[in-house]
Amino acid sequence: MSGAGRQRRAVRGEWAPTRRAALVAVALALAAAGCGESEGSERSPETGRRVTSGPAGKLLETRDAAGHRLRQVDKAGAPEVRLTVQPDSEDGWNLQLAPKGFRFTPESIGGPARPGRGYAWLLIDDRPLARVYGPWFHLPGDAVAKGTHTLAVRLSADDHTVWAVSGKPVEGTAQLTASTGGEAARG
């Protein structure tokens, strides 16, 4: 082997452990910096995963009635949803959710919040009833007590935070009147 080849190998051999040690030190420092709870983040009570502010809006301290933190987004480009209720020919009602600027992503629930993606909560008189993962939902008659009720569908991010504009949840509402009360609603 020529003298130049031995010299290159010797230089590489001397520097390789030092470079590796420096890279390991940097990686450990970055990992340690990301291990704690950063400002604007917390652990989701449903998944235990960290939810943060970022490109998918600002995480607010405000919570909805179900205890989910609000995720503030600008009104321009914010998701929207309209709720339509139709009586079912056999039992209950069929609900149609018509989102705008929003896509249902049941395959990624529990993951990080991404702009305009997630699922919806169905609420009756501001009480959570069910998660909705698509544009249609059948509400059985026995799930609703006799009387007039306010139905709401509230858009949530994949990390279980609630999309919000001006500090208010993004939701669509409709009135529903049940002429008979269901067993599940009474109990």
N, C-alpha and C. Protein backbone atom coordinates (compact mmCIF):
# COMPACT_ATOMS: atom_id res chain seq x y z
N MET A 1 0.86 -1.18 0.00
CA MET A 1 0.00 0.00 0.00
C MET A 1 0.89 1.22 0.00
N SER A 2 0.52 2.22 -0.72
CA SER A 2 1.34 3.42 -0.82
C SER A 2 1.27 4.21 0.47
N GLY A 3 2.20 5.11 0.65
CA GLY A 3 2.24 5.95 1.85
C GLY A 3 1.00 6.82 1.96
N ALA A 4 0.46 7.31 0.82
CA ALA A 4 -0.74 8.17 0.84
C ALA A 4 -1.95 7.37 1.30
N GLY A 5 -2.06 6.10 0.88
CA GLY A 5 -3.20 5.26 1.28
C GLY A 5 -3.18 4.99 2.78
N ARG A 6 -1.98 4.68 3.32
CA ARG A 6 -1.87 4.46 4.76
C ARG A 6 -2.22 5.72 5.54
N GLN A 7 -1.80 6.86 5.01
CA GLN A 7 -2.05 8.14 5.70
C GLN A 7 -3.55 8.43 5.75
N ARG A 8 -4.28 8.21 4.63
CA ARG A 8 -5.74 8.44 4.61
C ARG A 8 -6.44 7.51 5.60
N ARG A 9 -6.05 6.23 5.62
CA ARG A 9 -6.68 5.27 6.51
C ARG A 9 -6.40 5.63 7.96
N ALA A 10 -5.23 6.09 8.26
CA ALA A 10 -4.88 6.47 9.63
C ALA A 10 -5.68 7.68 10.05
N VAL A 11 -5.86 8.65 9.13
CA VAL A 11 -6.63 9.85 9.46
C VAL A 11 -8.08 9.47 9.69
N ARG A 12 -8.64 8.63 8.81
CA ARG A 12 -10.01 8.18 8.99
C ARG A 12 -10.16 7.42 10.30
N GLY A 13 -9.23 6.57 10.60
CA GLY A 13 -9.28 5.79 11.83
C GLY A 13 -9.22 6.66 13.08
N GLU A 14 -8.48 7.75 13.05
CA GLU A 14 -8.37 8.63 14.21
C GLU A 14 -9.64 9.45 14.40
N TRP A 15 -10.23 9.88 13.30
CA TRP A 15 -11.38 10.78 13.39
C TRP A 15 -12.71 10.04 13.54
N ALA A 16 -12.80 8.83 13.05
CA ALA A 16 -14.07 8.10 13.08
C ALA A 16 -14.65 7.99 14.49
N PRO A 17 -13.89 7.57 15.51
CA PRO A 17 -14.49 7.48 16.85
C PRO A 17 -14.91 8.85 17.39
N THR A 18 -14.14 9.88 17.08
CA THR A 18 -14.47 11.23 17.55
C THR A 18 -15.74 11.72 16.88
N ARG A 19 -15.87 11.49 15.57
CA ARG A 19 -17.09 11.90 14.86
C ARG A 19 -18.30 11.13 15.37
N ARG A 20 -18.14 9.82 15.57
CA ARG A 20 -19.24 9.02 16.09
C ARG A 20 -19.66 9.51 17.48
N ALA A 21 -18.71 9.81 18.32
CA ALA A 21 -19.02 10.29 19.67
C ALA A 21 -19.76 11.62 19.60
N ALA A 22 -19.34 12.49 18.71
CA ALA A 22 -20.01 13.79 18.56
C ALA A 22 -21.44 13.60 18.06
N LEU A 23 -21.63 12.72 17.09
CA LEU A 23 -22.98 12.47 16.57
C LEU A 23 -23.87 11.85 17.64
N VAL A 24 -23.34 10.94 18.42
CA VAL A 24 -24.12 10.33 19.50
C VAL A 24 -24.50 11.39 20.53
N ALA A 25 -23.57 12.26 20.87
CA ALA A 25 -23.84 13.33 21.85
C ALA A 25 -24.95 14.25 21.33
N VAL A 26 -24.89 14.63 20.06
CA VAL A 26 -25.92 15.50 19.48
C VAL A 26 -27.27 14.78 19.48
N ALA A 27 -27.30 13.51 19.08
CA ALA A 27 -28.55 12.75 19.06
C ALA A 27 -29.15 12.64 20.46
N LEU A 28 -28.33 12.37 21.46
CA LEU A 28 -28.83 12.28 22.83
C LEU A 28 -29.38 13.62 23.32
N ALA A 29 -28.70 14.71 22.98
CA ALA A 29 -29.17 16.03 23.38
C ALA A 29 -30.52 16.35 22.73
N LEU A 30 -30.65 16.02 21.46
CA LEU A 30 -31.93 16.26 20.77
C LEU A 30 -33.03 15.39 21.36
N ALA A 31 -32.73 14.14 21.64
CA ALA A 31 -33.74 13.26 22.22
C ALA A 31 -34.16 13.74 23.60
N ALA A 32 -33.21 14.17 24.41
CA ALA A 32 -33.54 14.66 25.75
C ALA A 32 -34.39 15.92 25.67
N ALA A 33 -34.11 16.76 24.71
CA ALA A 33 -34.89 18.00 24.56
C ALA A 33 -36.32 17.69 24.18
N GLY A 34 -36.56 16.61 23.46
CA GLY A 34 -37.91 16.27 23.04
C GLY A 34 -38.66 15.39 24.02
N CYS A 35 -38.02 14.93 25.09
CA CYS A 35 -38.66 14.01 26.02
C CYS A 35 -39.63 14.68 26.96
N GLY A 36 -39.40 15.91 27.35
CA GLY A 36 -40.27 16.59 28.30
C GLY A 36 -41.50 17.13 27.63
N GLU A 37 -42.43 17.58 28.42
CA GLU A 37 -43.62 18.23 27.89
C GLU A 37 -43.24 19.67 27.54
N SER A 38 -43.40 20.04 26.31
CA SER A 38 -43.05 21.39 25.90
C SER A 38 -44.23 22.32 26.10
N GLU A 39 -43.96 23.61 26.05
CA GLU A 39 -45.03 24.58 26.19
C GLU A 39 -46.02 24.38 25.06
N GLY A 40 -47.32 24.40 25.39
CA GLY A 40 -48.34 24.19 24.37
C GLY A 40 -48.60 22.73 24.09
N SER A 41 -48.15 21.84 25.00
CA SER A 41 -48.42 20.42 24.78
C SER A 41 -48.91 19.79 26.07
N GLU A 42 -49.54 18.63 25.91
CA GLU A 42 -49.98 17.83 27.05
C GLU A 42 -50.23 16.43 26.55
N ARG A 43 -50.46 15.52 27.45
CA ARG A 43 -50.80 14.15 27.08
C ARG A 43 -52.30 14.02 26.91
N SER A 44 -52.73 13.38 25.83
CA SER A 44 -54.15 13.15 25.58
C SER A 44 -54.67 12.16 26.61
N PRO A 45 -55.81 12.47 27.27
CA PRO A 45 -56.35 11.53 28.24
C PRO A 45 -56.82 10.23 27.60
N GLU A 46 -57.16 10.25 26.31
CA GLU A 46 -57.65 9.05 25.64
C GLU A 46 -56.53 8.16 25.14
N THR A 47 -55.43 8.75 24.66
CA THR A 47 -54.38 7.93 24.06
C THR A 47 -53.07 7.95 24.84
N GLY A 48 -52.88 8.95 25.70
CA GLY A 48 -51.62 9.09 26.40
C GLY A 48 -50.54 9.70 25.52
N ARG A 49 -50.86 9.98 24.27
CA ARG A 49 -49.88 10.59 23.36
C ARG A 49 -49.84 12.09 23.57
N ARG A 50 -48.71 12.67 23.19
CA ARG A 50 -48.56 14.11 23.35
C ARG A 50 -49.31 14.85 22.25
N VAL A 51 -50.05 15.90 22.63
CA VAL A 51 -50.72 16.77 21.67
C VAL A 51 -50.04 18.12 21.77
N THR A 52 -49.78 18.74 20.64
CA THR A 52 -49.03 19.99 20.63
C THR A 52 -49.63 21.01 19.68
N SER A 53 -49.16 22.24 19.85
CA SER A 53 -49.47 23.29 18.89
C SER A 53 -48.51 23.12 17.72
N GLY A 54 -48.83 23.71 16.61
CA GLY A 54 -47.95 23.62 15.46
C GLY A 54 -48.70 23.98 14.20
N PRO A 55 -48.31 23.36 13.07
CA PRO A 55 -48.94 23.70 11.80
C PRO A 55 -50.43 23.36 11.78
N ALA A 56 -50.87 22.53 12.71
CA ALA A 56 -52.29 22.16 12.77
C ALA A 56 -53.02 23.02 13.79
N GLY A 57 -52.60 24.25 13.99
CA GLY A 57 -53.29 25.15 14.89
C GLY A 57 -52.63 25.27 16.25
N LYS A 58 -53.18 26.15 17.06
CA LYS A 58 -52.63 26.43 18.39
C LYS A 58 -53.48 25.72 19.45
N LEU A 59 -52.82 24.97 20.30
CA LEU A 59 -53.50 24.27 21.37
C LEU A 59 -53.87 25.26 22.46
N LEU A 60 -55.16 25.35 22.77
CA LEU A 60 -55.64 26.27 23.79
C LEU A 60 -55.81 25.55 25.13
N GLU A 61 -55.84 26.30 26.21
CA GLU A 61 -56.12 25.73 27.53
C GLU A 61 -57.60 25.41 27.68
N THR A 62 -58.45 26.09 26.90
CA THR A 62 -59.90 25.91 26.95
C THR A 62 -60.28 24.49 26.56
N ARG A 63 -61.28 23.94 27.24
CA ARG A 63 -61.78 22.60 26.95
C ARG A 63 -63.27 22.65 26.64
N ASP A 64 -63.74 21.67 25.87
CA ASP A 64 -65.17 21.59 25.61
C ASP A 64 -65.84 20.88 26.79
N ALA A 65 -67.16 20.70 26.72
CA ALA A 65 -67.91 20.10 27.83
C ALA A 65 -67.46 18.67 28.12
N ALA A 66 -66.89 17.97 27.14
CA ALA A 66 -66.42 16.60 27.34
C ALA A 66 -64.98 16.55 27.85
N GLY A 67 -64.34 17.71 28.00
CA GLY A 67 -62.98 17.75 28.54
C GLY A 67 -61.87 17.73 27.52
N HIS A 68 -62.21 17.84 26.22
CA HIS A 68 -61.18 17.85 25.18
C HIS A 68 -60.67 19.26 24.97
N ARG A 69 -59.34 19.40 24.85
CA ARG A 69 -58.76 20.72 24.60
C ARG A 69 -59.10 21.20 23.20
N LEU A 70 -59.23 22.52 23.07
CA LEU A 70 -59.53 23.12 21.77
C LEU A 70 -58.24 23.38 21.01
N ARG A 71 -58.31 23.23 19.70
CA ARG A 71 -57.18 23.48 18.80
C ARG A 71 -57.60 24.62 17.87
N GLN A 72 -57.10 25.82 18.16
CA GLN A 72 -57.47 27.04 17.46
C GLN A 72 -56.85 27.09 16.07
N VAL A 73 -57.69 27.39 15.06
CA VAL A 73 -57.21 27.62 13.70
C VAL A 73 -57.82 28.94 13.21
N ASP A 74 -57.18 29.54 12.23
CA ASP A 74 -57.71 30.78 11.65
C ASP A 74 -59.01 30.50 10.93
N LYS A 75 -59.90 31.48 10.94
CA LYS A 75 -61.20 31.33 10.29
C LYS A 75 -61.02 31.05 8.79
N ALA A 76 -60.09 31.76 8.16
CA ALA A 76 -59.83 31.52 6.74
C ALA A 76 -59.22 30.12 6.60
N GLY A 77 -59.89 29.26 5.90
CA GLY A 77 -59.40 27.90 5.69
C GLY A 77 -59.76 26.92 6.79
N ALA A 78 -60.52 27.37 7.80
CA ALA A 78 -60.92 26.47 8.89
C ALA A 78 -61.93 25.45 8.40
N PRO A 79 -61.93 24.26 8.98
CA PRO A 79 -62.96 23.29 8.58
C PRO A 79 -64.34 23.75 9.02
N GLU A 80 -65.35 23.27 8.33
CA GLU A 80 -66.74 23.56 8.66
C GLU A 80 -67.53 22.26 8.53
N VAL A 81 -68.71 22.23 9.15
CA VAL A 81 -69.57 21.06 9.00
C VAL A 81 -71.03 21.48 9.13
N ARG A 82 -71.87 20.92 8.27
CA ARG A 82 -73.31 21.15 8.33
C ARG A 82 -73.97 19.82 8.68
N LEU A 83 -74.98 19.84 9.53
CA LEU A 83 -75.68 18.64 9.96
C LEU A 83 -77.11 18.66 9.47
N THR A 84 -77.53 17.58 8.82
CA THR A 84 -78.90 17.41 8.36
C THR A 84 -79.46 16.14 9.01
N VAL A 85 -80.70 16.24 9.53
CA VAL A 85 -81.35 15.11 10.19
C VAL A 85 -82.59 14.72 9.40
N GLN A 86 -82.70 13.42 9.07
CA GLN A 86 -83.86 12.91 8.34
C GLN A 86 -84.42 11.72 9.11
N PRO A 87 -85.74 11.65 9.28
CA PRO A 87 -86.32 10.47 9.95
C PRO A 87 -86.03 9.22 9.12
N ASP A 88 -85.70 8.14 9.80
CA ASP A 88 -85.50 6.86 9.13
C ASP A 88 -86.86 6.20 8.93
N SER A 89 -87.04 5.46 7.85
CA SER A 89 -88.35 4.86 7.56
C SER A 89 -88.72 3.74 8.55
N GLU A 90 -87.74 3.18 9.25
CA GLU A 90 -88.04 2.12 10.21
C GLU A 90 -87.87 2.54 11.66
N ASP A 91 -86.78 3.26 11.95
CA ASP A 91 -86.50 3.60 13.35
C ASP A 91 -85.50 4.73 13.42
N GLY A 92 -85.72 5.67 14.28
CA GLY A 92 -84.74 6.72 14.55
C GLY A 92 -84.56 7.71 13.42
N TRP A 93 -83.31 8.16 13.26
CA TRP A 93 -83.00 9.21 12.31
C TRP A 93 -81.68 8.91 11.62
N ASN A 94 -81.55 9.41 10.40
CA ASN A 94 -80.29 9.34 9.66
C ASN A 94 -79.69 10.74 9.66
N LEU A 95 -78.46 10.81 10.10
CA LEU A 95 -77.76 12.09 10.16
C LEU A 95 -76.76 12.16 9.02
N GLN A 96 -76.75 13.30 8.33
CA GLN A 96 -75.76 13.51 7.28
C GLN A 96 -74.86 14.65 7.70
N LEU A 97 -73.57 14.40 7.72
CA LEU A 97 -72.57 15.41 8.02
C LEU A 97 -71.98 15.86 6.69
N ALA A 98 -72.01 17.16 6.43
CA ALA A 98 -71.46 17.69 5.19
C ALA A 98 -70.28 18.60 5.54
N PRO A 99 -69.08 18.02 5.62
CA PRO A 99 -67.91 18.83 5.98
C PRO A 99 -67.37 19.62 4.78
N LYS A 100 -66.73 20.71 5.10
CA LYS A 100 -66.05 21.53 4.09
C LYS A 100 -64.65 21.80 4.65
N GLY A 101 -63.64 21.52 3.85
CA GLY A 101 -62.26 21.72 4.31
C GLY A 101 -61.88 20.72 5.39
N PHE A 102 -62.51 19.53 5.35
CA PHE A 102 -62.28 18.52 6.38
C PHE A 102 -62.44 17.14 5.76
N ARG A 103 -61.60 16.21 6.19
CA ARG A 103 -61.67 14.84 5.70
C ARG A 103 -61.67 13.89 6.89
N PHE A 104 -62.59 12.92 6.87
CA PHE A 104 -62.63 11.90 7.91
C PHE A 104 -61.44 10.96 7.72
N THR A 105 -60.69 10.71 8.80
CA THR A 105 -59.51 9.86 8.72
C THR A 105 -59.51 8.82 9.86
N PRO A 106 -60.45 7.88 9.82
CA PRO A 106 -60.51 6.89 10.90
C PRO A 106 -59.25 6.04 11.01
N GLU A 107 -58.51 5.91 9.93
CA GLU A 107 -57.30 5.10 9.95
C GLU A 107 -56.16 5.73 10.74
N SER A 108 -56.26 7.01 11.05
CA SER A 108 -55.16 7.66 11.78
C SER A 108 -55.58 8.26 13.12
N ILE A 109 -56.74 7.84 13.64
CA ILE A 109 -57.18 8.33 14.95
C ILE A 109 -56.15 7.92 16.00
N GLY A 110 -55.81 8.86 16.86
CA GLY A 110 -54.80 8.61 17.89
C GLY A 110 -53.43 9.12 17.47
N GLY A 111 -53.29 9.49 16.21
CA GLY A 111 -52.02 10.02 15.72
C GLY A 111 -51.98 11.53 15.91
N PRO A 112 -50.99 12.19 15.34
CA PRO A 112 -50.88 13.64 15.47
C PRO A 112 -51.98 14.39 14.71
N ALA A 113 -52.28 15.59 15.18
CA ALA A 113 -53.26 16.44 14.49
C ALA A 113 -52.68 16.89 13.16
N ARG A 114 -53.52 16.78 12.11
CA ARG A 114 -53.14 17.28 10.80
C ARG A 114 -54.25 18.21 10.33
N PRO A 115 -53.90 19.31 9.71
CA PRO A 115 -54.92 20.29 9.32
C PRO A 115 -56.07 19.66 8.54
N GLY A 116 -57.31 19.96 8.99
CA GLY A 116 -58.50 19.55 8.26
C GLY A 116 -58.78 18.07 8.25
N ARG A 117 -58.30 17.33 9.23
CA ARG A 117 -58.51 15.88 9.27
C ARG A 117 -58.94 15.44 10.65
N GLY A 118 -59.63 14.30 10.72
CA GLY A 118 -60.01 13.74 12.00
C GLY A 118 -61.34 13.02 11.95
N TYR A 119 -62.16 13.25 12.96
CA TYR A 119 -63.46 12.59 13.10
C TYR A 119 -64.41 13.58 13.75
N ALA A 120 -65.63 13.16 14.02
CA ALA A 120 -66.60 14.05 14.67
C ALA A 120 -67.18 13.36 15.90
N TRP A 121 -67.55 14.18 16.86
CA TRP A 121 -68.32 13.70 18.01
C TRP A 121 -69.78 14.05 17.76
N LEU A 122 -70.67 13.11 18.04
CA LEU A 122 -72.10 13.39 18.03
C LEU A 122 -72.50 13.69 19.47
N LEU A 123 -73.13 14.82 19.67
CA LEU A 123 -73.59 15.21 21.01
C LEU A 123 -75.09 15.43 20.99
N ILE A 124 -75.75 15.02 22.06
CA ILE A 124 -77.17 15.32 22.26
C ILE A 124 -77.25 16.19 23.49
N ASP A 125 -77.79 17.40 23.31
CA ASP A 125 -77.88 18.37 24.41
C ASP A 125 -76.53 18.54 25.11
N ASP A 126 -75.48 18.65 24.32
CA ASP A 126 -74.10 18.89 24.75
C ASP A 126 -73.47 17.73 25.51
N ARG A 127 -74.09 16.53 25.43
CA ARG A 127 -73.52 15.33 26.03
C ARG A 127 -73.02 14.41 24.92
N PRO A 128 -71.75 13.99 24.97
CA PRO A 128 -71.22 13.10 23.92
C PRO A 128 -71.98 11.78 23.87
N LEU A 129 -72.34 11.36 22.65
CA LEU A 129 -73.03 10.09 22.46
C LEU A 129 -72.16 9.09 21.70
N ALA A 130 -71.52 9.55 20.62
CA ALA A 130 -70.75 8.62 19.78
C ALA A 130 -69.73 9.38 18.94
N ARG A 131 -68.69 8.65 18.55
CA ARG A 131 -67.76 9.17 17.55
C ARG A 131 -68.32 8.84 16.18
N VAL A 132 -68.12 9.74 15.23
CA VAL A 132 -68.59 9.53 13.86
C VAL A 132 -67.38 9.60 12.94
N TYR A 133 -67.19 8.55 12.13
CA TYR A 133 -66.01 8.44 11.28
C TYR A 133 -66.28 8.63 9.80
N GLY A 134 -67.49 9.10 9.47
CA GLY A 134 -67.83 9.29 8.06
C GLY A 134 -69.02 10.22 7.94
N PRO A 135 -69.51 10.44 6.73
CA PRO A 135 -70.56 11.44 6.52
C PRO A 135 -71.97 11.02 6.92
N TRP A 136 -72.21 9.74 7.22
CA TRP A 136 -73.54 9.29 7.60
C TRP A 136 -73.49 8.57 8.94
N PHE A 137 -74.57 8.74 9.72
CA PHE A 137 -74.68 8.06 11.01
C PHE A 137 -76.16 7.78 11.27
N HIS A 138 -76.48 6.56 11.70
CA HIS A 138 -77.86 6.23 12.07
C HIS A 138 -78.00 6.40 13.57
N LEU A 139 -78.94 7.24 13.98
CA LEU A 139 -79.24 7.46 15.39
C LEU A 139 -80.50 6.68 15.73
N PRO A 140 -80.36 5.58 16.50
CA PRO A 140 -81.54 4.77 16.84
C PRO A 140 -82.52 5.55 17.70
N GLY A 141 -83.80 5.27 17.52
CA GLY A 141 -84.84 5.94 18.29
C GLY A 141 -84.70 5.74 19.78
N ASP A 142 -84.21 4.56 20.20
CA ASP A 142 -84.11 4.30 21.63
C ASP A 142 -82.93 5.02 22.29
N ALA A 143 -82.15 5.76 21.52
CA ALA A 143 -81.04 6.52 22.08
C ALA A 143 -81.45 7.95 22.44
N VAL A 144 -82.70 8.31 22.13
CA VAL A 144 -83.14 9.69 22.33
C VAL A 144 -84.40 9.71 23.21
N ALA A 145 -84.34 10.49 24.28
CA ALA A 145 -85.50 10.62 25.18
C ALA A 145 -86.60 11.46 24.51
N LYS A 146 -87.82 11.30 24.95
CA LYS A 146 -88.94 12.07 24.43
C LYS A 146 -88.68 13.56 24.66
N GLY A 147 -89.02 14.36 23.65
CA GLY A 147 -88.85 15.80 23.76
C GLY A 147 -88.00 16.38 22.63
N THR A 148 -87.72 17.66 22.75
CA THR A 148 -86.90 18.36 21.74
C THR A 148 -85.47 18.45 22.24
N HIS A 149 -84.56 18.14 21.33
CA HIS A 149 -83.14 18.09 21.69
C HIS A 149 -82.30 18.83 20.65
N THR A 150 -81.15 19.28 21.08
CA THR A 150 -80.17 19.86 20.16
C THR A 150 -79.11 18.81 19.88
N LEU A 151 -78.99 18.46 18.59
CA LEU A 151 -77.92 17.57 18.16
C LEU A 151 -76.77 18.43 17.66
N ALA A 152 -75.57 18.00 17.92
CA ALA A 152 -74.40 18.69 17.39
C ALA A 152 -73.39 17.66 16.93
N VAL A 153 -72.69 17.98 15.86
CA VAL A 153 -71.53 17.20 15.44
C VAL A 153 -70.34 18.15 15.52
N ARG A 154 -69.36 17.75 16.31
CA ARG A 154 -68.20 18.59 16.61
C ARG A 154 -66.97 17.95 16.00
N LEU A 155 -66.24 18.72 15.18
CA LEU A 155 -65.07 18.18 14.49
C LEU A 155 -63.87 18.10 15.43
N SER A 156 -63.23 16.95 15.43
CA SER A 156 -62.05 16.69 16.26
C SER A 156 -60.87 16.31 15.39
N ALA A 157 -59.68 16.62 15.87
CA ALA A 157 -58.46 16.21 15.19
C ALA A 157 -58.13 14.78 15.57
N ASP A 158 -57.23 14.16 14.84
CA ASP A 158 -56.85 12.78 15.12
C ASP A 158 -56.31 12.59 16.53
N ASP A 159 -55.73 13.63 17.12
CA ASP A 159 -55.17 13.51 18.48
C ASP A 159 -56.21 13.78 19.57
N HIS A 160 -57.48 13.84 19.20
CA HIS A 160 -58.63 14.01 20.10
C HIS A 160 -58.80 15.43 20.63
N THR A 161 -58.11 16.39 20.06
CA THR A 161 -58.41 17.78 20.37
C THR A 161 -59.56 18.21 19.47
N VAL A 162 -60.21 19.31 19.81
CA VAL A 162 -61.39 19.76 19.07
C VAL A 162 -61.02 20.98 18.24
N TRP A 163 -61.31 20.93 16.95
CA TRP A 163 -61.05 22.09 16.08
C TRP A 163 -61.88 23.27 16.56
N ALA A 164 -61.27 24.46 16.60
CA ALA A 164 -61.96 25.65 17.09
C ALA A 164 -61.60 26.87 16.26
N VAL A 165 -62.55 27.80 16.17
CA VAL A 165 -62.34 29.10 15.54
C VAL A 165 -62.82 30.14 16.54
N SER A 166 -62.01 31.13 16.81
CA SER A 166 -62.33 32.19 17.77
C SER A 166 -62.71 31.61 19.14
N GLY A 167 -62.03 30.53 19.53
CA GLY A 167 -62.25 29.92 20.84
C GLY A 167 -63.51 29.09 20.97
N LYS A 168 -64.21 28.83 19.86
CA LYS A 168 -65.44 28.03 19.90
C LYS A 168 -65.29 26.80 19.03
N PRO A 169 -65.79 25.65 19.49
CA PRO A 169 -65.66 24.43 18.69
C PRO A 169 -66.32 24.56 17.31
N VAL A 170 -65.70 23.93 16.32
CA VAL A 170 -66.28 23.87 14.98
C VAL A 170 -67.33 22.76 15.01
N GLU A 171 -68.59 23.15 14.80
CA GLU A 171 -69.68 22.17 14.87
C GLU A 171 -70.86 22.59 14.02
N GLY A 172 -71.67 21.61 13.69
CA GLY A 172 -72.95 21.84 13.03
C GLY A 172 -74.03 21.37 13.97
N THR A 173 -75.17 22.06 13.98
CA THR A 173 -76.25 21.70 14.91
C THR A 173 -77.57 21.55 14.17
N ALA A 174 -78.48 20.82 14.81
CA ALA A 174 -79.85 20.65 14.30
C ALA A 174 -80.74 20.31 15.48
N GLN A 175 -82.01 20.65 15.35
CA GLN A 175 -83.00 20.31 16.38
C GLN A 175 -83.66 18.99 16.00
N LEU A 176 -83.97 18.20 17.01
CA LEU A 176 -84.63 16.92 16.80
C LEU A 176 -85.72 16.78 17.87
N THR A 177 -86.92 16.40 17.45
CA THR A 177 -88.01 16.18 18.41
C THR A 177 -88.40 14.71 18.35
N ALA A 178 -88.31 14.05 19.50
CA ALA A 178 -88.68 12.64 19.60
C ALA A 178 -90.06 12.57 20.25
N SER A 179 -91.00 11.90 19.58
CA SER A 179 -92.36 11.80 20.12
C SER A 179 -92.47 10.70 21.17
N THR A 180 -91.55 9.74 21.12
CA THR A 180 -91.51 8.71 22.17
C THR A 180 -90.08 8.62 22.68
N GLY A 181 -89.93 8.34 23.95
CA GLY A 181 -88.59 8.23 24.52
C GLY A 181 -88.08 6.81 24.43
N GLY A 182 -86.83 6.67 24.11
CA GLY A 182 -86.24 5.36 23.99
C GLY A 182 -85.77 4.82 25.34
N GLU A 183 -85.69 3.50 25.43
CA GLU A 183 -85.24 2.85 26.67
C GLU A 183 -83.83 3.29 27.03
N ALA A 184 -82.92 3.34 26.05
CA ALA A 184 -81.54 3.72 26.34
C ALA A 184 -81.44 5.15 26.82
N ALA A 185 -82.30 6.01 26.30
CA ALA A 185 -82.27 7.42 26.68
C ALA A 185 -82.81 7.62 28.09
N ARG A 186 -83.72 6.78 28.54
CA ARG A 186 -84.29 6.95 29.88
C ARG A 186 -83.36 6.45 30.97
N GLY A 187 -82.59 5.40 30.65
CA GLY A 187 -81.80 4.73 31.66
C GLY A 187 -80.59 5.44 32.03
